[in-house]
C-alpha cells in the first residue's frame, strides 16, 4: 500500500495535461483574424463569419489592441501557473515548463485544468 501512495505522489509531482482542442483552436483563429484578415474564409465560419468580417472591417484597431491585451493576460496567467504548480506539489521542472508554455499559448483553456488539479500543500 505504501508503494501505491509513493507512486501516486511521484505522478503528482510531474502532473501535466494538454489543453482541450477547441479553446486552442479559438486562440489560433484569433491570431489568424487579427494579423491576416484578408486570408480568412469568412463564408466557411458559419454564423460567426459575417460577425467576424464586420469586426475586422469596422473595428480592426480594437481587435488588434484586444489581442495584445489578451497576450499580456496570458503572461500573467503563465507566471501564476508556475506558482500554482509549486503549491499543488508539481515539482518536476519539465512539467512546470510545459504548464508555463501551454498557459502562455492557450490561457484559461490550460489554466483551468491546473486549477482543477486536486493536491494542495
PDB file of N, CA and C in Angstrom:
ATOM      1  N   UNK A   1       0.821  -1.190   0.000  1.00  0.00           N
ATOM      2  CA  UNK A   1       0.000   0.000   0.000  1.00  0.00           C
ATOM      3  C   UNK A   1       0.864   1.252   0.000  1.00  0.00           C
ATOM      4  N   UNK A   2       1.979   1.224   0.711  1.00  0.00           N
ATOM      5  CA  UNK A   2       2.867   2.379   0.754  1.00  0.00           C
ATOM      6  C   UNK A   2       3.465   2.650  -0.612  1.00  0.00           C
ATOM      7  N   UNK A   3       3.693   1.585  -1.366  1.00  0.00           N
ATOM      8  CA  UNK A   3       4.242   1.760  -2.703  1.00  0.00           C
ATOM      9  C   UNK A   3       3.251   2.502  -3.592  1.00  0.00           C
ATOM     10  N   UNK A   4       1.978   2.196  -3.483  1.00  0.00           N
ATOM     11  CA  UNK A   4       0.953   2.879  -4.281  1.00  0.00           C
ATOM     12  C   UNK A   4       0.893   4.365  -3.983  1.00  0.00           C
ATOM     13  N   UNK A   5       0.995   4.729  -2.692  1.00  0.00           N
ATOM     14  CA  UNK A   5       0.965   6.142  -2.324  1.00  0.00           C
ATOM     15  C   UNK A   5       2.190   6.871  -2.842  1.00  0.00           C
ATOM     16  N   UNK A   6       3.364   6.238  -2.743  1.00  0.00           N
ATOM     17  CA  UNK A   6       4.576   6.910  -3.216  1.00  0.00           C
ATOM     18  C   UNK A   6       4.555   7.064  -4.731  1.00  0.00           C
ATOM     19  N   UNK A   7       3.980   6.095  -5.444  1.00  0.00           N
ATOM     20  CA  UNK A   7       3.863   6.207  -6.898  1.00  0.00           C
ATOM     21  C   UNK A   7       2.884   7.322  -7.274  1.00  0.00           C
ATOM     22  N   UNK A   8       1.792   7.411  -6.530  1.00  0.00           N
ATOM     23  CA  UNK A   8       0.815   8.472  -6.787  1.00  0.00           C
ATOM     24  C   UNK A   8       1.425   9.833  -6.509  1.00  0.00           C
ATOM     25  N   UNK A   9       2.187   9.939  -5.433  1.00  0.00           N
ATOM     26  CA  UNK A   9       2.833  11.213  -5.103  1.00  0.00           C
ATOM     27  C   UNK A   9       3.854  11.578  -6.174  1.00  0.00           C
ATOM     28  N   UNK A  10       4.602  10.569  -6.661  1.00  0.00           N
ATOM     29  CA  UNK A  10       5.586  10.825  -7.716  1.00  0.00           C
ATOM     30  C   UNK A  10       4.891  11.275  -8.998  1.00  0.00           C
ATOM     31  N   UNK A  11       3.749  10.659  -9.306  1.00  0.00           N
ATOM     32  CA  UNK A  11       2.999  11.057 -10.503  1.00  0.00           C
ATOM     33  C   UNK A  11       2.476  12.481 -10.359  1.00  0.00           C
ATOM     34  N   UNK A  12       2.075  12.859  -9.158  1.00  0.00           N
ATOM     35  CA  UNK A  12       1.558  14.222  -8.936  1.00  0.00           C
ATOM     36  C   UNK A  12       2.656  15.262  -9.117  1.00  0.00           C
ATOM     37  N   UNK A  13       3.903  14.920  -8.828  1.00  0.00           N
ATOM     38  CA  UNK A  13       4.987  15.890  -8.972  1.00  0.00           C
ATOM     39  C   UNK A  13       5.266  16.209 -10.434  1.00  0.00           C
ATOM     40  N   UNK A  14       4.830  15.331 -11.341  1.00  0.00           N
ATOM     41  CA  UNK A  14       5.063  15.553 -12.769  1.00  0.00           C
ATOM     42  C   UNK A  14       3.755  15.677 -13.538  1.00  0.00           C
ATOM     43  N   UNK A  15       2.673  16.077 -12.863  1.00  0.00           N
ATOM     44  CA  UNK A  15       1.341  16.153 -13.482  1.00  0.00           C
ATOM     45  C   UNK A  15       1.310  17.179 -14.609  1.00  0.00           C
ATOM     46  N   UNK A  16       0.789  16.735 -15.772  1.00  0.00           N
ATOM     47  CA  UNK A  16       0.576  17.643 -16.900  1.00  0.00           C
ATOM     48  C   UNK A  16      -0.507  17.054 -17.785  1.00  0.00           C
ATOM     49  N   UNK A  17      -1.431  17.880 -18.228  1.00  0.00           N
ATOM     50  CA  UNK A  17      -2.444  17.506 -19.206  1.00  0.00           C
ATOM     51  C   UNK A  17      -2.497  18.572 -20.276  1.00  0.00           C
ATOM     52  N   UNK A  18      -2.721  18.146 -21.507  1.00  0.00           N
ATOM     53  CA  UNK A  18      -2.811  19.120 -22.596  1.00  0.00           C
ATOM     54  C   UNK A  18      -4.167  19.817 -22.575  1.00  0.00           C
ATOM     55  N   UNK A  19      -4.200  21.009 -23.118  1.00  0.00           N
ATOM     56  CA  UNK A  19      -5.427  21.800 -23.184  1.00  0.00           C
ATOM     57  C   UNK A  19      -6.418  21.148 -24.139  1.00  0.00           C
ATOM     58  N   UNK A  20      -7.673  21.475 -23.957  1.00  0.00           N
ATOM     59  CA  UNK A  20      -8.713  20.980 -24.847  1.00  0.00           C
ATOM     60  C   UNK A  20      -8.516  21.585 -26.246  1.00  0.00           C
ATOM     61  N   UNK A  21      -8.834  20.830 -27.285  1.00  0.00           N
ATOM     62  CA  UNK A  21      -8.568  21.314 -28.648  1.00  0.00           C
ATOM     63  C   UNK A  21      -9.378  22.537 -29.064  1.00  0.00           C
ATOM     64  N   UNK A  22     -10.671  22.620 -28.678  1.00  0.00           N
ATOM     65  CA  UNK A  22     -11.498  23.724 -29.156  1.00  0.00           C
ATOM     66  C   UNK A  22     -10.986  25.098 -28.696  1.00  0.00           C
ATOM     67  N   UNK A  23     -10.690  25.303 -27.393  1.00  0.00           N
ATOM     68  CA  UNK A  23     -10.161  26.610 -26.987  1.00  0.00           C
ATOM     69  C   UNK A  23      -8.813  26.931 -27.643  1.00  0.00           C
ATOM     70  N   UNK A  24      -7.999  25.910 -27.854  1.00  0.00           N
ATOM     71  CA  UNK A  24      -6.721  26.128 -28.528  1.00  0.00           C
ATOM     72  C   UNK A  24      -6.960  26.588 -29.973  1.00  0.00           C
ATOM     73  N   UNK A  25      -7.951  26.000 -30.613  1.00  0.00           N
ATOM     74  CA  UNK A  25      -8.292  26.384 -31.984  1.00  0.00           C
ATOM     75  C   UNK A  25      -8.803  27.823 -32.043  1.00  0.00           C
ATOM     76  N   UNK A  26      -9.588  28.217 -31.052  1.00  0.00           N
ATOM     77  CA  UNK A  26     -10.101  29.590 -30.996  1.00  0.00           C
ATOM     78  C   UNK A  26      -8.943  30.581 -30.873  1.00  0.00           C
ATOM     79  N   UNK A  27      -7.934  30.247 -30.074  1.00  0.00           N
ATOM     80  CA  UNK A  27      -6.757  31.106 -29.931  1.00  0.00           C
ATOM     81  C   UNK A  27      -6.043  31.272 -31.267  1.00  0.00           C
ATOM     82  N   UNK A  28      -5.853  30.165 -31.983  1.00  0.00           N
ATOM     83  CA  UNK A  28      -5.180  30.239 -33.284  1.00  0.00           C
ATOM     84  C   UNK A  28      -6.026  31.002 -34.299  1.00  0.00           C
ATOM     85  N   UNK A  29      -7.341  30.826 -34.252  1.00  0.00           N
ATOM     86  CA  UNK A  29      -8.221  31.567 -35.158  1.00  0.00           C
ATOM     87  C   UNK A  29      -8.135  33.069 -34.886  1.00  0.00           C
ATOM     88  N   UNK A  30      -8.041  33.434 -33.609  1.00  0.00           N
ATOM     89  CA  UNK A  30      -7.888  34.847 -33.256  1.00  0.00           C
ATOM     90  C   UNK A  30      -6.618  35.439 -33.833  1.00  0.00           C
ATOM     91  N   UNK A  31      -5.535  34.687 -33.752  1.00  0.00           N
ATOM     92  CA  UNK A  31      -4.261  35.132 -34.336  1.00  0.00           C
ATOM     93  C   UNK A  31      -4.417  35.353 -35.833  1.00  0.00           C
ATOM     94  N   UNK A  32      -5.056  34.431 -36.482  1.00  0.00           N
ATOM     95  CA  UNK A  32      -5.246  34.491 -37.929  1.00  0.00           C
ATOM     96  C   UNK A  32      -6.099  35.707 -38.314  1.00  0.00           C
ATOM     97  N   UNK A  33      -7.219  35.916 -37.621  1.00  0.00           N
ATOM     98  CA  UNK A  33      -8.134  37.012 -37.955  1.00  0.00           C
ATOM     99  C   UNK A  33      -7.484  38.378 -37.742  1.00  0.00           C
ATOM    100  N   UNK A  34      -6.705  38.510 -36.669  1.00  0.00           N
ATOM    101  CA  UNK A  34      -6.111  39.812 -36.358  1.00  0.00           C
ATOM    102  C   UNK A  34      -4.974  40.166 -37.309  1.00  0.00           C
ATOM    103  N   UNK A  35      -4.134  39.204 -37.647  1.00  0.00           N
ATOM    104  CA  UNK A  35      -2.938  39.539 -38.419  1.00  0.00           C
ATOM    105  C   UNK A  35      -3.022  39.218 -39.909  1.00  0.00           C
ATOM    106  N   UNK A  36      -3.904  38.330 -40.322  1.00  0.00           N
ATOM    107  CA  UNK A  36      -4.056  38.010 -41.740  1.00  0.00           C
ATOM    108  C   UNK A  36      -5.529  37.978 -42.132  1.00  0.00           C
ATOM    109  N   UNK A  37      -6.253  39.086 -41.898  1.00  0.00           N
ATOM    110  CA  UNK A  37      -7.707  39.071 -42.144  1.00  0.00           C
ATOM    111  C   UNK A  37      -8.081  38.855 -43.607  1.00  0.00           C
ATOM    112  N   UNK A  38      -7.230  39.225 -44.517  1.00  0.00           N
ATOM    113  CA  UNK A  38      -7.548  39.082 -45.935  1.00  0.00           C
ATOM    114  C   UNK A  38      -7.568  37.619 -46.375  1.00  0.00           C
ATOM    115  N   UNK A  39      -6.968  36.707 -45.598  1.00  0.00           N
ATOM    116  CA  UNK A  39      -6.914  35.302 -45.999  1.00  0.00           C
ATOM    117  C   UNK A  39      -7.925  34.421 -45.269  1.00  0.00           C
ATOM    118  N   UNK A  40      -8.758  35.002 -44.424  1.00  0.00           N
ATOM    119  CA  UNK A  40      -9.742  34.219 -43.657  1.00  0.00           C
ATOM    120  C   UNK A  40     -10.954  33.919 -44.533  1.00  0.00           C
ATOM    121  N   UNK A  41     -11.364  32.647 -44.640  1.00  0.00           N
ATOM    122  CA  UNK A  41     -12.569  32.309 -45.412  1.00  0.00           C
ATOM    123  C   UNK A  41     -13.829  32.518 -44.562  1.00  0.00           C
ATOM    124  N   UNK A  42     -14.276  33.768 -44.475  1.00  0.00           N
ATOM    125  CA  UNK A  42     -15.392  34.111 -43.594  1.00  0.00           C
ATOM    126  C   UNK A  42     -16.655  33.306 -43.899  1.00  0.00           C
ATOM    127  N   UNK A  43     -16.902  33.006 -45.166  1.00  0.00           N
ATOM    128  CA  UNK A  43     -18.097  32.262 -45.541  1.00  0.00           C
ATOM    129  C   UNK A  43     -18.074  30.837 -44.989  1.00  0.00           C
ATOM    130  N   UNK A  44     -16.908  30.322 -44.647  1.00  0.00           N
ATOM    131  CA  UNK A  44     -16.784  28.964 -44.101  1.00  0.00           C
ATOM    132  C   UNK A  44     -16.941  28.921 -42.579  1.00  0.00           C
ATOM    133  N   UNK A  45     -17.098  30.067 -41.948  1.00  0.00           N
ATOM    134  CA  UNK A  45     -17.194  30.112 -40.485  1.00  0.00           C
ATOM    135  C   UNK A  45     -18.636  30.051 -39.985  1.00  0.00           C
ATOM    136  N   UNK A  46     -19.568  29.802 -40.888  1.00  0.00           N
ATOM    137  CA  UNK A  46     -20.969  29.712 -40.492  1.00  0.00           C
ATOM    138  C   UNK A  46     -21.487  31.053 -39.994  1.00  0.00           C
ATOM    139  N   UNK A  47     -22.308  31.040 -38.929  1.00  0.00           N
ATOM    140  CA  UNK A  47     -22.873  32.289 -38.430  1.00  0.00           C
ATOM    141  C   UNK A  47     -21.816  33.218 -37.826  1.00  0.00           C
ATOM    142  N   UNK A  48     -20.689  32.696 -37.473  1.00  0.00           N
ATOM    143  CA  UNK A  48     -19.614  33.518 -36.921  1.00  0.00           C
ATOM    144  C   UNK A  48     -18.898  34.321 -38.019  1.00  0.00           C
ATOM    145  N   UNK A  49     -19.003  33.866 -39.272  1.00  0.00           N
ATOM    146  CA  UNK A  49     -18.314  34.517 -40.381  1.00  0.00           C
ATOM    147  C   UNK A  49     -18.681  35.980 -40.595  1.00  0.00           C
ATOM    148  N   UNK A  50     -19.969  36.305 -40.788  1.00  0.00           N
ATOM    149  CA  UNK A  50     -20.346  37.714 -41.003  1.00  0.00           C
ATOM    150  C   UNK A  50     -19.984  38.613 -39.814  1.00  0.00           C
ATOM    151  N   UNK A  51     -20.150  38.088 -38.604  1.00  0.00           N
ATOM    152  CA  UNK A  51     -19.804  38.870 -37.415  1.00  0.00           C
ATOM    153  C   UNK A  51     -18.304  39.159 -37.372  1.00  0.00           C
ATOM    154  N   UNK A  52     -17.504  38.138 -37.656  1.00  0.00           N
ATOM    155  CA  UNK A  52     -16.049  38.310 -37.672  1.00  0.00           C
ATOM    156  C   UNK A  52     -15.637  39.287 -38.764  1.00  0.00           C
ATOM    157  N   UNK A  53     -16.257  39.166 -39.935  1.00  0.00           N
ATOM    158  CA  UNK A  53     -15.962  40.082 -41.041  1.00  0.00           C
ATOM    159  C   UNK A  53     -16.292  41.521 -40.645  1.00  0.00           C
ATOM    160  N   UNK A  54     -17.431  41.720 -39.976  1.00  0.00           N
ATOM    161  CA  UNK A  54     -17.820  43.057 -39.523  1.00  0.00           C
ATOM    162  C   UNK A  54     -16.774  43.616 -38.544  1.00  0.00           C
ATOM    163  N   UNK A  55     -16.347  42.794 -37.589  1.00  0.00           N
ATOM    164  CA  UNK A  55     -15.341  43.258 -36.622  1.00  0.00           C
ATOM    165  C   UNK A  55     -14.039  43.643 -37.313  1.00  0.00           C
ATOM    166  N   UNK A  56     -13.615  42.836 -38.258  1.00  0.00           N
ATOM    167  CA  UNK A  56     -12.368  43.124 -38.979  1.00  0.00           C
ATOM    168  C   UNK A  56     -12.510  44.412 -39.792  1.00  0.00           C
ATOM    169  N   UNK A  57     -13.640  44.593 -40.472  1.00  0.00           N
ATOM    170  CA  UNK A  57     -13.838  45.760 -41.328  1.00  0.00           C
ATOM    171  C   UNK A  57     -14.030  47.062 -40.554  1.00  0.00           C
ATOM    172  N   UNK A  58     -14.715  46.995 -39.405  1.00  0.00           N
ATOM    173  CA  UNK A  58     -15.081  48.222 -38.698  1.00  0.00           C
ATOM    174  C   UNK A  58     -14.361  48.457 -37.379  1.00  0.00           C
ATOM    175  N   UNK A  59     -13.747  47.440 -36.831  1.00  0.00           N
ATOM    176  CA  UNK A  59     -13.126  47.570 -35.513  1.00  0.00           C
ATOM    177  C   UNK A  59     -11.768  46.860 -35.449  1.00  0.00           C
ATOM    178  N   UNK A  60     -10.995  46.956 -36.511  1.00  0.00           N
ATOM    179  CA  UNK A  60      -9.721  46.236 -36.545  1.00  0.00           C
ATOM    180  C   UNK A  60      -8.757  46.718 -35.466  1.00  0.00           C
ATOM    181  N   UNK A  61      -8.727  48.011 -35.192  1.00  0.00           N
ATOM    182  CA  UNK A  61      -7.835  48.531 -34.144  1.00  0.00           C
ATOM    183  C   UNK A  61      -8.224  47.959 -32.787  1.00  0.00           C
ATOM    184  N   UNK A  62      -9.503  47.879 -32.528  1.00  0.00           N
ATOM    185  CA  UNK A  62      -9.978  47.289 -31.274  1.00  0.00           C
ATOM    186  C   UNK A  62      -9.573  45.812 -31.185  1.00  0.00           C
ATOM    187  N   UNK A  63      -9.736  45.081 -32.276  1.00  0.00           N
ATOM    188  CA  UNK A  63      -9.308  43.675 -32.301  1.00  0.00           C
ATOM    189  C   UNK A  63      -7.813  43.552 -32.050  1.00  0.00           C
ATOM    190  N   UNK A  64      -7.052  44.393 -32.705  1.00  0.00           N
ATOM    191  CA  UNK A  64      -5.597  44.352 -32.580  1.00  0.00           C
ATOM    192  C   UNK A  64      -5.160  44.651 -31.138  1.00  0.00           C
ATOM    193  N   UNK A  65      -5.714  45.711 -30.552  1.00  0.00           N
ATOM    194  CA  UNK A  65      -5.367  46.062 -29.165  1.00  0.00           C
ATOM    195  C   UNK A  65      -5.858  45.000 -28.184  1.00  0.00           C
ATOM    196  N   UNK A  66      -7.050  44.469 -28.417  1.00  0.00           N
ATOM    197  CA  UNK A  66      -7.580  43.410 -27.564  1.00  0.00           C
ATOM    198  C   UNK A  66      -6.732  42.157 -27.625  1.00  0.00           C
ATOM    199  N   UNK A  67      -6.207  41.876 -28.803  1.00  0.00           N
ATOM    200  CA  UNK A  67      -5.339  40.713 -28.974  1.00  0.00           C
ATOM    201  C   UNK A  67      -4.080  40.862 -28.118  1.00  0.00           C
ATOM    202  N   UNK A  68      -3.458  42.043 -28.146  1.00  0.00           N
ATOM    203  CA  UNK A  68      -2.242  42.239 -27.348  1.00  0.00           C
ATOM    204  C   UNK A  68      -2.546  42.269 -25.856  1.00  0.00           C
ATOM    205  N   UNK A  69      -3.704  42.767 -25.483  1.00  0.00           N
ATOM    206  CA  UNK A  69      -4.115  42.721 -24.089  1.00  0.00           C
ATOM    207  C   UNK A  69      -4.290  41.269 -23.631  1.00  0.00           C
ATOM    208  N   UNK A  70      -4.862  40.455 -24.489  1.00  0.00           N
ATOM    209  CA  UNK A  70      -5.036  39.041 -24.164  1.00  0.00           C
ATOM    210  C   UNK A  70      -3.684  38.363 -23.939  1.00  0.00           C
ATOM    211  N   UNK A  71      -2.687  38.682 -24.758  1.00  0.00           N
ATOM    212  CA  UNK A  71      -1.362  38.091 -24.557  1.00  0.00           C
ATOM    213  C   UNK A  71      -0.735  38.561 -23.248  1.00  0.00           C
ATOM    214  N   UNK A  72      -0.961  39.807 -22.892  1.00  0.00           N
ATOM    215  CA  UNK A  72      -0.463  40.310 -21.611  1.00  0.00           C
ATOM    216  C   UNK A  72      -1.111  39.536 -20.456  1.00  0.00           C
ATOM    217  N   UNK A  73      -2.389  39.270 -20.567  1.00  0.00           N
ATOM    218  CA  UNK A  73      -3.083  38.475 -19.559  1.00  0.00           C
ATOM    219  C   UNK A  73      -2.518  37.058 -19.535  1.00  0.00           C
ATOM    220  N   UNK A  74      -2.214  36.500 -20.694  1.00  0.00           N
ATOM    221  CA  UNK A  74      -1.631  35.161 -20.755  1.00  0.00           C
ATOM    222  C   UNK A  74      -0.280  35.114 -20.041  1.00  0.00           C
ATOM    223  N   UNK A  75       0.495  36.154 -20.147  1.00  0.00           N
ATOM    224  CA  UNK A  75       1.785  36.206 -19.431  1.00  0.00           C
ATOM    225  C   UNK A  75       1.534  36.129 -17.923  1.00  0.00           C
ATOM    226  N   UNK A  76       0.575  36.914 -17.436  1.00  0.00           N
ATOM    227  CA  UNK A  76       0.240  36.872 -16.014  1.00  0.00           C
ATOM    228  C   UNK A  76      -0.254  35.503 -15.582  1.00  0.00           C
ATOM    229  N   UNK A  77      -1.113  34.889 -16.397  1.00  0.00           N
ATOM    230  CA  UNK A  77      -1.599  33.542 -16.085  1.00  0.00           C
ATOM    231  C   UNK A  77      -0.455  32.541 -16.056  1.00  0.00           C
ATOM    232  N   UNK A  78       0.479  32.674 -16.979  1.00  0.00           N
ATOM    233  CA  UNK A  78       1.616  31.753 -17.044  1.00  0.00           C
ATOM    234  C   UNK A  78       2.486  31.854 -15.798  1.00  0.00           C
ATOM    235  N   UNK A  79       2.736  33.073 -15.372  1.00  0.00           N
ATOM    236  CA  UNK A  79       3.543  33.262 -14.162  1.00  0.00           C
ATOM    237  C   UNK A  79       2.818  32.713 -12.938  1.00  0.00           C
ATOM    238  N   UNK A  80       1.521  32.940 -12.874  1.00  0.00           N
ATOM    239  CA  UNK A  80       0.748  32.400 -11.760  1.00  0.00           C
ATOM    240  C   UNK A  80       0.681  30.878 -11.823  1.00  0.00           C
ATOM    241  N   UNK A  81       0.652  30.314 -13.034  1.00  0.00           N
ATOM    242  CA  UNK A  81       0.654  28.856 -13.200  1.00  0.00           C
ATOM    243  C   UNK A  81       1.913  28.246 -12.579  1.00  0.00           C
ATOM    244  N   UNK A  82       3.037  28.933 -12.719  1.00  0.00           N
ATOM    245  CA  UNK A  82       4.279  28.433 -12.106  1.00  0.00           C
ATOM    246  C   UNK A  82       4.137  28.391 -10.583  1.00  0.00           C
ATOM    247  N   UNK A  83       3.588  29.432  -9.997  1.00  0.00           N
ATOM    248  CA  UNK A  83       3.392  29.454  -8.540  1.00  0.00           C
ATOM    249  C   UNK A  83       2.373  28.393  -8.123  1.00  0.00           C
ATOM    250  N   UNK A  84       1.339  28.227  -8.918  1.00  0.00           N
ATOM    251  CA  UNK A  84       0.321  27.229  -8.613  1.00  0.00           C
ATOM    252  C   UNK A  84       0.886  25.813  -8.701  1.00  0.00           C
ATOM    253  N   UNK A  85       1.779  25.578  -9.650  1.00  0.00           N
ATOM    254  CA  UNK A  85       2.439  24.275  -9.750  1.00  0.00           C
ATOM    255  C   UNK A  85       3.147  23.942  -8.437  1.00  0.00           C
ATOM    256  N   UNK A  86       3.894  24.883  -7.937  1.00  0.00           N
ATOM    257  CA  UNK A  86       4.626  24.651  -6.691  1.00  0.00           C
ATOM    258  C   UNK A  86       3.682  24.401  -5.527  1.00  0.00           C
ATOM    259  N   UNK A  87       2.598  25.170  -5.444  1.00  0.00           N
ATOM    260  CA  UNK A  87       1.670  24.995  -4.328  1.00  0.00           C
ATOM    261  C   UNK A  87       0.870  23.693  -4.448  1.00  0.00           C
ATOM    262  N   UNK A  88       0.725  23.158  -5.649  1.00  0.00           N
ATOM    263  CA  UNK A  88      -0.001  21.902  -5.862  1.00  0.00           C
ATOM    264  C   UNK A  88       0.928  20.695  -5.829  1.00  0.00           C
ATOM    265  N   UNK A  89       2.218  20.916  -5.579  1.00  0.00           N
ATOM    266  CA  UNK A  89       3.155  19.803  -5.470  1.00  0.00           C
ATOM    267  C   UNK A  89       3.726  19.321  -6.786  1.00  0.00           C
ATOM    268  N   UNK A  90       3.582  20.100  -7.833  1.00  0.00           N
ATOM    269  CA  UNK A  90       4.162  19.746  -9.135  1.00  0.00           C
ATOM    270  C   UNK A  90       5.577  20.311  -9.144  1.00  0.00           C
ATOM    271  N   UNK A  91       6.534  19.459  -8.847  1.00  0.00           N
ATOM    272  CA  UNK A  91       7.913  19.912  -8.685  1.00  0.00           C
ATOM    273  C   UNK A  91       8.803  19.592  -9.879  1.00  0.00           C
ATOM    274  N   UNK A  92       8.317  18.805 -10.795  1.00  0.00           N
ATOM    275  CA  UNK A  92       9.103  18.466 -11.984  1.00  0.00           C
ATOM    276  C   UNK A  92       9.328  19.719 -12.824  1.00  0.00           C
ATOM    277  N   UNK A  93      10.578  20.016 -13.094  1.00  0.00           N
ATOM    278  CA  UNK A  93      10.906  21.185 -13.912  1.00  0.00           C
ATOM    279  C   UNK A  93      10.288  21.108 -15.293  1.00  0.00           C
ATOM    280  N   UNK A  94      10.267  19.907 -15.865  1.00  0.00           N
ATOM    281  CA  UNK A  94       9.688  19.724 -17.199  1.00  0.00           C
ATOM    282  C   UNK A  94       8.186  20.008 -17.171  1.00  0.00           C
ATOM    283  N   UNK A  95       7.491  19.467 -16.170  1.00  0.00           N
ATOM    284  CA  UNK A  95       6.046  19.683 -16.065  1.00  0.00           C
ATOM    285  C   UNK A  95       5.742  21.165 -15.840  1.00  0.00           C
ATOM    286  N   UNK A  96       6.524  21.834 -15.014  1.00  0.00           N
ATOM    287  CA  UNK A  96       6.311  23.261 -14.770  1.00  0.00           C
ATOM    288  C   UNK A  96       6.517  24.064 -16.049  1.00  0.00           C
ATOM    289  N   UNK A  97       7.542  23.724 -16.814  1.00  0.00           N
ATOM    290  CA  UNK A  97       7.790  24.414 -18.085  1.00  0.00           C
ATOM    291  C   UNK A  97       6.634  24.183 -19.062  1.00  0.00           C
ATOM    292  N   UNK A  98       6.135  22.946 -19.125  1.00  0.00           N
ATOM    293  CA  UNK A  98       5.013  22.659 -20.012  1.00  0.00           C
ATOM    294  C   UNK A  98       3.766  23.440 -19.610  1.00  0.00           C
ATOM    295  N   UNK A  99       3.489  23.539 -18.296  1.00  0.00           N
ATOM    296  CA  UNK A  99       2.347  24.334 -17.834  1.00  0.00           C
ATOM    297  C   UNK A  99       2.544  25.802 -18.193  1.00  0.00           C
ATOM    298  N   UNK A 100       3.751  26.312 -18.017  1.00  0.00           N
ATOM    299  CA  UNK A 100       4.031  27.712 -18.340  1.00  0.00           C
ATOM    300  C   UNK A 100       3.780  27.973 -19.828  1.00  0.00           C
ATOM    301  N   UNK A 101       4.367  27.156 -20.685  1.00  0.00           N
ATOM    302  CA  UNK A 101       4.238  27.365 -22.136  1.00  0.00           C
ATOM    303  C   UNK A 101       2.807  27.183 -22.613  1.00  0.00           C
ATOM    304  N   UNK A 102       2.150  26.121 -22.136  1.00  0.00           N
ATOM    305  CA  UNK A 102       0.781  25.874 -22.571  1.00  0.00           C
ATOM    306  C   UNK A 102      -0.156  26.984 -22.106  1.00  0.00           C
ATOM    307  N   UNK A 103       0.020  27.457 -20.870  1.00  0.00           N
ATOM    308  CA  UNK A 103      -0.827  28.533 -20.366  1.00  0.00           C
ATOM    309  C   UNK A 103      -0.532  29.827 -21.109  1.00  0.00           C
ATOM    310  N   UNK A 104       0.719  30.060 -21.461  1.00  0.00           N
ATOM    311  CA  UNK A 104       1.053  31.246 -22.251  1.00  0.00           C
ATOM    312  C   UNK A 104       0.355  31.204 -23.604  1.00  0.00           C
ATOM    313  N   UNK A 105       0.333  30.051 -24.239  1.00  0.00           N
ATOM    314  CA  UNK A 105      -0.255  29.930 -25.567  1.00  0.00           C
ATOM    315  C   UNK A 105      -1.779  29.889 -25.555  1.00  0.00           C
ATOM    316  N   UNK A 106      -2.370  29.187 -24.584  1.00  0.00           N
ATOM    317  CA  UNK A 106      -3.807  28.940 -24.627  1.00  0.00           C
ATOM    318  C   UNK A 106      -4.579  29.525 -23.449  1.00  0.00           C
ATOM    319  N   UNK A 107      -3.909  30.207 -22.531  1.00  0.00           N
ATOM    320  CA  UNK A 107      -4.582  30.921 -21.450  1.00  0.00           C
ATOM    321  C   UNK A 107      -5.444  30.058 -20.560  1.00  0.00           C
ATOM    322  N   UNK A 108      -6.682  30.493 -20.365  1.00  0.00           N
ATOM    323  CA  UNK A 108      -7.589  29.838 -19.420  1.00  0.00           C
ATOM    324  C   UNK A 108      -7.906  28.407 -19.822  1.00  0.00           C
ATOM    325  N   UNK A 109      -7.800  28.068 -21.094  1.00  0.00           N
ATOM    326  CA  UNK A 109      -8.032  26.693 -21.536  1.00  0.00           C
ATOM    327  C   UNK A 109      -7.063  25.743 -20.846  1.00  0.00           C
ATOM    328  N   UNK A 110      -5.859  26.190 -20.615  1.00  0.00           N
ATOM    329  CA  UNK A 110      -4.861  25.403 -19.900  1.00  0.00           C
ATOM    330  C   UNK A 110      -4.933  25.650 -18.397  1.00  0.00           C
ATOM    331  N   UNK A 111      -5.054  26.903 -18.030  1.00  0.00           N
ATOM    332  CA  UNK A 111      -5.006  27.300 -16.623  1.00  0.00           C
ATOM    333  C   UNK A 111      -6.124  26.647 -15.809  1.00  0.00           C
ATOM    334  N   UNK A 112      -7.301  26.491 -16.400  1.00  0.00           N
ATOM    335  CA  UNK A 112      -8.430  25.882 -15.687  1.00  0.00           C
ATOM    336  C   UNK A 112      -8.151  24.421 -15.336  1.00  0.00           C
ATOM    337  N   UNK A 113      -7.395  23.728 -16.168  1.00  0.00           N
ATOM    338  CA  UNK A 113      -7.026  22.344 -15.876  1.00  0.00           C
ATOM    339  C   UNK A 113      -6.110  22.302 -14.656  1.00  0.00           C
ATOM    340  N   UNK A 114      -5.173  23.211 -14.604  1.00  0.00           N
ATOM    341  CA  UNK A 114      -4.247  23.269 -13.472  1.00  0.00           C
ATOM    342  C   UNK A 114      -4.982  23.649 -12.196  1.00  0.00           C
ATOM    343  N   UNK A 115      -5.921  24.575 -12.286  1.00  0.00           N
ATOM    344  CA  UNK A 115      -6.689  24.978 -11.105  1.00  0.00           C
ATOM    345  C   UNK A 115      -7.488  23.796 -10.569  1.00  0.00           C
ATOM    346  N   UNK A 116      -8.031  22.974 -11.459  1.00  0.00           N
ATOM    347  CA  UNK A 116      -8.857  21.833 -11.050  1.00  0.00           C
ATOM    348  C   UNK A 116      -8.031  20.689 -10.458  1.00  0.00           C
ATOM    349  N   UNK A 117      -6.719  20.694 -10.665  1.00  0.00           N
ATOM    350  CA  UNK A 117      -5.871  19.630 -10.144  1.00  0.00           C
ATOM    351  C   UNK A 117      -5.910  19.661  -8.627  1.00  0.00           C
ATOM    352  N   UNK A 118      -6.191  18.502  -8.022  1.00  0.00           N
ATOM    353  CA  UNK A 118      -6.515  18.405  -6.605  1.00  0.00           C
ATOM    354  C   UNK A 118      -5.474  18.677  -5.545  1.00  0.00           C
ATOM    355  N   UNK A 119      -4.356  17.984  -5.519  1.00  0.00           N
ATOM    356  CA  UNK A 119      -3.490  18.059  -4.334  1.00  0.00           C
ATOM    357  C   UNK A 119      -3.004  19.467  -4.044  1.00  0.00           C
ATOM    358  N   UNK A 120      -3.235  19.896  -2.805  1.00  0.00           N
ATOM    359  CA  UNK A 120      -2.761  21.212  -2.360  1.00  0.00           C
ATOM    360  C   UNK A 120      -1.818  20.996  -1.205  1.00  0.00           C
ATOM    361  N   UNK A 121      -0.821  21.833  -1.103  1.00  0.00           N
ATOM    362  CA  UNK A 121       0.124  21.724   0.012  1.00  0.00           C
ATOM    363  C   UNK A 121       0.016  22.919   0.895  1.00  0.00           C
TER     364      UNK A 121
END
